[in-house]
Protein backbone atom coordinates (compact mmCIF):
# COMPACT_ATOMS: atom_id res chain seq x y z
CA UNK A 1 111.86 92.83 148.93
CA UNK A 2 113.99 89.91 150.01
CA UNK A 3 117.43 89.37 148.52
CA UNK A 4 117.58 85.77 149.72
CA UNK A 5 117.49 83.33 146.80
CA UNK A 6 114.49 81.03 146.62
CA UNK A 7 115.18 77.57 147.94
CA UNK A 8 112.88 74.68 147.22
CA UNK A 9 112.82 71.51 149.24
CA UNK A 10 113.58 68.28 147.44
CA UNK A 11 111.38 65.30 148.21
CA UNK A 12 112.64 63.19 151.11
CA UNK A 13 115.01 60.37 150.25
CA UNK A 14 114.59 56.81 151.46
CA UNK A 15 117.52 56.60 153.87
CA UNK A 16 117.36 52.81 154.14
CA UNK A 17 117.87 52.42 150.41
CA UNK A 18 120.70 54.97 150.46
CA UNK A 19 122.38 52.98 153.24
CA UNK A 20 122.01 49.80 151.17
CA UNK A 21 123.66 51.54 148.21
CA UNK A 22 126.54 52.57 150.48
CA UNK A 23 127.00 48.99 151.67
CA UNK A 24 127.04 47.75 148.06
CA UNK A 25 129.77 50.26 147.25
CA UNK A 26 131.80 49.31 150.32
CA UNK A 27 131.82 45.56 149.63
CA UNK A 28 134.53 45.60 146.91
CA UNK A 29 136.65 48.06 148.88
CA UNK A 30 136.67 45.85 151.96
CA UNK A 31 137.08 42.62 149.99
CA UNK A 32 140.12 43.88 148.09
CA UNK A 33 141.73 45.45 151.16
CA UNK A 34 141.96 42.00 152.75
CA UNK A 35 144.93 40.98 150.60
CA UNK A 36 145.86 38.10 152.90
CA UNK A 37 142.68 36.26 151.92
CA UNK A 38 143.65 36.03 148.25
CA UNK A 39 147.46 36.34 148.16
CA UNK A 40 148.08 32.78 146.98
CA UNK A 41 149.02 30.91 143.86
CA UNK A 42 146.46 28.09 143.96
CA UNK A 43 143.84 27.38 142.66
CA UNK A 44 144.76 28.33 139.12
CA UNK A 45 142.21 29.20 136.45
CA UNK A 46 143.34 28.81 132.82
CA UNK A 47 146.92 29.04 134.01
CA UNK A 48 146.42 32.27 135.96
CA UNK A 49 147.22 32.26 139.67
CA UNK A 50 144.40 32.85 142.12
CA UNK A 51 145.78 36.31 143.01
CA UNK A 52 145.29 37.52 139.41
CA UNK A 53 141.95 36.01 138.49
CA UNK A 54 140.39 36.87 141.86
CA UNK A 55 141.15 40.56 141.31
CA UNK A 56 139.88 40.40 137.75
CA UNK A 57 136.68 38.78 139.01
CA UNK A 58 136.23 41.81 141.27
CA UNK A 59 136.36 44.12 138.24
CA UNK A 60 133.17 42.49 136.99
CA UNK A 61 131.61 42.27 140.46
CA UNK A 62 132.45 45.90 141.22
CA UNK A 63 130.76 47.01 138.00
CA UNK A 64 127.64 45.04 138.89
CA UNK A 65 127.57 46.38 142.45
CA UNK A 66 128.13 49.96 141.31
CA UNK A 67 125.31 49.72 138.78
CA UNK A 68 123.03 48.19 141.41
CA UNK A 69 123.87 50.99 143.85
CA UNK A 70 123.14 53.56 141.12
CA UNK A 71 119.70 52.05 140.43
CA UNK A 72 118.94 51.93 144.16
CA UNK A 73 119.89 55.61 144.57
CA UNK A 74 117.60 56.52 141.67
CA UNK A 75 114.79 54.67 143.43
CA UNK A 76 115.60 56.23 146.82
CA UNK A 77 115.73 59.81 145.55
CA UNK A 78 112.74 60.42 143.29
CA UNK A 79 113.23 62.87 140.45
CA UNK A 80 111.15 66.02 140.52
CA UNK A 81 111.45 68.00 137.28
CA UNK A 82 112.32 71.70 137.47
CA UNK A 83 110.89 74.47 135.35
CA UNK A 84 112.96 75.50 132.33
CA UNK A 85 114.30 78.49 134.25
CA UNK A 86 115.35 76.21 137.11
CA UNK A 87 113.85 78.42 139.80
CA UNK A 88 111.02 76.12 140.92
CA UNK A 89 109.75 72.58 140.79
CA UNK A 90 107.39 71.97 137.91
CA UNK A 91 103.91 70.56 138.28
CA UNK A 92 102.53 67.46 136.60
CA UNK A 93 100.92 69.50 133.82
CA UNK A 94 103.63 72.18 133.53
CA UNK A 95 107.07 70.62 133.90
CA UNK A 96 108.97 73.04 131.69
CA UNK A 97 107.54 76.39 132.78
CA UNK A 98 106.07 77.22 129.38
CA UNK A 99 102.56 75.97 129.92
CA UNK A 100 103.52 72.50 128.72
CA UNK A 101 105.27 73.83 125.58
CA UNK A 102 108.92 73.03 125.01
CA UNK A 103 111.10 76.08 124.32
CA UNK A 104 112.10 74.61 120.93
CA UNK A 105 108.43 74.20 120.03
CA UNK A 106 107.65 77.76 121.12
CA UNK A 107 110.28 79.13 118.74
CA UNK A 108 112.53 80.63 121.44
CA UNK A 109 116.18 79.60 121.66
């Protein structure tokens, strides 16, 4: 009897999409590290100097880029449900390990 734990292979990830997600996450880092490109007073927007509103604009852009990267990673790494015990990948007709019955429905805690 083997004492080695069972290991199951995850489906392959789309490496091109993962690289795209990494680039999307790197864009705000690189853009904000180049302080010399936005360390100026003009143009002003609603009385705020360029230095301030440019950084605030990146708060919104960074949120959008992070969400986009998240959605791309979800697409690149397909989800494969595990059994309820977590020791194997489920099948299409038996994703929870109880013959298609949820543990709450079966009456077990």
